[in-house]
Amino acid sequence: MSQHSENAEKYWKANLRLIIGSLCVWAFVSYGCGILFRPLLSGIAVGGTDLGFWFAQQGSILTFIVLIFFYAWRMNKLDKQFGLDEE
């Protein structure tokens, strides 16, 4: 296997780990905190409502926005690490 294809494989594996990790966080916050664990979070008040409802209405959206910026930042680091940056 050549050095180029070996680097491409490592880059792709790192990219997939980042995507899968981000999707797991998103699913946990959206489905876990907003739906599955809502009864457990109902006793915690946030902004006049319970925490489970807050995650379903606001928290999942805010988490998704944070994940977008995290993914872009981390991909820039991966690009630099593998010599694929745009500079």
C-alpha atoms as a PDB file:
ATOM      1  CA  MET A   1       0.000   0.000   0.000  1.00  0.00           C
ATOM      2  CA  SER A   2       1.403   3.374  -0.932  1.00  0.00           C
ATOM      3  CA  GLN A   3       1.931   6.222   1.529  1.00  0.00           C
ATOM      4  CA  HIS A   4      -0.765   8.339  -0.178  1.00  0.00           C
ATOM      5  CA  SER A   5      -3.490   5.690   0.080  1.00  0.00           C
ATOM      6  CA  GLU A   6      -2.450   4.925   3.662  1.00  0.00           C
ATOM      7  CA  ASN A   7      -2.838   8.615   4.604  1.00  0.00           C
ATOM      8  CA  ALA A   8      -6.163   8.780   2.755  1.00  0.00           C
ATOM      9  CA  GLU A   9      -7.429   5.779   4.718  1.00  0.00           C
ATOM     10  CA  LYS A  10      -6.326   7.287   8.056  1.00  0.00           C
ATOM     11  CA  TYR A  11      -7.926  10.613   7.113  1.00  0.00           C
ATOM     12  CA  TRP A  12     -11.200   8.937   6.180  1.00  0.00           C
ATOM     13  CA  LYS A  13     -11.259   6.867   9.396  1.00  0.00           C
ATOM     14  CA  ALA A  14     -10.664  10.009  11.483  1.00  0.00           C
ATOM     15  CA  ASN A  15     -13.413  11.787   9.556  1.00  0.00           C
ATOM     16  CA  LEU A  16     -15.855   8.910  10.119  1.00  0.00           C
ATOM     17  CA  ARG A  17     -15.058   8.813  13.848  1.00  0.00           C
ATOM     18  CA  LEU A  18     -15.790  12.531  14.046  1.00  0.00           C
ATOM     19  CA  ILE A  19     -19.074  12.160  12.146  1.00  0.00           C
ATOM     20  CA  ILE A  20     -20.225   9.168  14.209  1.00  0.00           C
ATOM     21  CA  GLY A  21     -19.291  10.890  17.470  1.00  0.00           C
ATOM     22  CA  SER A  22     -21.163  14.043  16.481  1.00  0.00           C
ATOM     23  CA  LEU A  23     -24.230  12.042  15.469  1.00  0.00           C
ATOM     24  CA  CYS A  24     -24.168  10.148  18.772  1.00  0.00           C
ATOM     25  CA  VAL A  25     -24.084  13.408  20.744  1.00  0.00           C
ATOM     26  CA  TRP A  26     -26.884  14.846  18.608  1.00  0.00           C
ATOM     27  CA  ALA A  27     -29.026  11.696  19.002  1.00  0.00           C
ATOM     28  CA  PHE A  28     -28.483  11.574  22.756  1.00  0.00           C
ATOM     29  CA  VAL A  29     -29.478  15.206  23.212  1.00  0.00           C
ATOM     30  CA  SER A  30     -32.375  15.163  20.734  1.00  0.00           C
ATOM     31  CA  TYR A  31     -33.906  11.772  21.415  1.00  0.00           C
ATOM     32  CA  GLY A  32     -32.441  10.907  24.785  1.00  0.00           C
ATOM     33  CA  CYS A  33     -32.875  14.132  26.713  1.00  0.00           C
ATOM     34  CA  GLY A  34     -35.890  15.386  24.750  1.00  0.00           C
ATOM     35  CA  ILE A  35     -37.931  12.160  24.583  1.00  0.00           C
ATOM     36  CA  LEU A  36     -36.559   9.104  26.401  1.00  0.00           C
ATOM     37  CA  PHE A  37     -35.232  10.741  29.570  1.00  0.00           C
ATOM     38  CA  ARG A  38     -37.836  13.498  29.718  1.00  0.00           C
ATOM     39  CA  PRO A  39     -39.644  11.993  32.749  1.00  0.00           C
ATOM     40  CA  LEU A  40     -36.344  11.893  34.641  1.00  0.00           C
ATOM     41  CA  LEU A  41     -35.599  15.519  33.747  1.00  0.00           C
ATOM     42  CA  SER A  42     -39.092  16.835  34.506  1.00  0.00           C
ATOM     43  CA  GLY A  43     -38.225  17.814  38.085  1.00  0.00           C
ATOM     44  CA  ILE A  44     -35.495  20.231  37.011  1.00  0.00           C
ATOM     45  CA  ALA A  45     -36.828  23.689  36.150  1.00  0.00           C
ATOM     46  CA  VAL A  46     -35.198  25.792  33.413  1.00  0.00           C
ATOM     47  CA  GLY A  47     -36.728  29.062  32.243  1.00  0.00           C
ATOM     48  CA  GLY A  48     -40.162  28.318  33.660  1.00  0.00           C
ATOM     49  CA  THR A  49     -40.406  24.816  32.199  1.00  0.00           C
ATOM     50  CA  ASP A  50     -38.887  21.412  32.866  1.00  0.00           C
ATOM     51  CA  LEU A  51     -35.460  20.455  31.512  1.00  0.00           C
ATOM     52  CA  GLY A  52     -36.794  17.663  29.266  1.00  0.00           C
ATOM     53  CA  PHE A  53     -39.137  20.068  27.475  1.00  0.00           C
ATOM     54  CA  TRP A  54     -36.326  22.618  27.185  1.00  0.00           C
ATOM     55  CA  PHE A  55     -34.071  20.027  25.510  1.00  0.00           C
ATOM     56  CA  ALA A  56     -36.865  19.075  23.117  1.00  0.00           C
ATOM     57  CA  GLN A  57     -37.549  22.701  22.165  1.00  0.00           C
ATOM     58  CA  GLN A  58     -34.255  24.591  22.522  1.00  0.00           C
ATOM     59  CA  GLY A  59     -31.450  22.386  23.767  1.00  0.00           C
ATOM     60  CA  SER A  60     -31.331  20.079  20.755  1.00  0.00           C
ATOM     61  CA  ILE A  61     -31.198  23.044  18.367  1.00  0.00           C
ATOM     62  CA  LEU A  62     -28.437  24.767  20.337  1.00  0.00           C
ATOM     63  CA  THR A  63     -26.501  21.503  20.591  1.00  0.00           C
ATOM     64  CA  PHE A  64     -26.810  21.025  16.826  1.00  0.00           C
ATOM     65  CA  ILE A  65     -25.422  24.525  16.189  1.00  0.00           C
ATOM     66  CA  VAL A  66     -22.512  23.890  18.578  1.00  0.00           C
ATOM     67  CA  LEU A  67     -21.838  20.567  16.807  1.00  0.00           C
ATOM     68  CA  ILE A  68     -21.666  22.329  13.436  1.00  0.00           C
ATOM     69  CA  PHE A  69     -18.968  24.697  14.684  1.00  0.00           C
ATOM     70  CA  PHE A  70     -17.138  21.876  16.485  1.00  0.00           C
ATOM     71  CA  TYR A  71     -17.161  19.744  13.326  1.00  0.00           C
ATOM     72  CA  ALA A  72     -15.807  22.599  11.194  1.00  0.00           C
ATOM     73  CA  TRP A  73     -13.064  23.382  13.736  1.00  0.00           C
ATOM     74  CA  ARG A  74     -12.065  19.718  14.094  1.00  0.00           C
ATOM     75  CA  MET A  75     -12.092  19.113  10.322  1.00  0.00           C
ATOM     76  CA  ASN A  76      -9.781  22.098   9.842  1.00  0.00           C
ATOM     77  CA  LYS A  77      -7.380  20.501  12.332  1.00  0.00           C
ATOM     78  CA  LEU A  78      -7.621  17.148  10.526  1.00  0.00           C
ATOM     79  CA  ASP A  79      -7.015  18.827   7.171  1.00  0.00           C
ATOM     80  CA  LYS A  80      -3.870  20.489   8.511  1.00  0.00           C
ATOM     81  CA  GLN A  81      -2.717  17.254  10.128  1.00  0.00           C
ATOM     82  CA  PHE A  82      -2.967  15.375   6.820  1.00  0.00           C
ATOM     83  CA  GLY A  83      -1.722  18.255   4.634  1.00  0.00           C
ATOM     84  CA  LEU A  84      -5.081  18.982   3.009  1.00  0.00           C
ATOM     85  CA  ASP A  85      -5.666  22.496   4.310  1.00  0.00           C
ATOM     86  CA  GLU A  86      -6.645  25.283   1.944  1.00  0.00           C
ATOM     87  CA  GLU A  87      -3.691  27.569   2.612  1.00  0.00           C
END
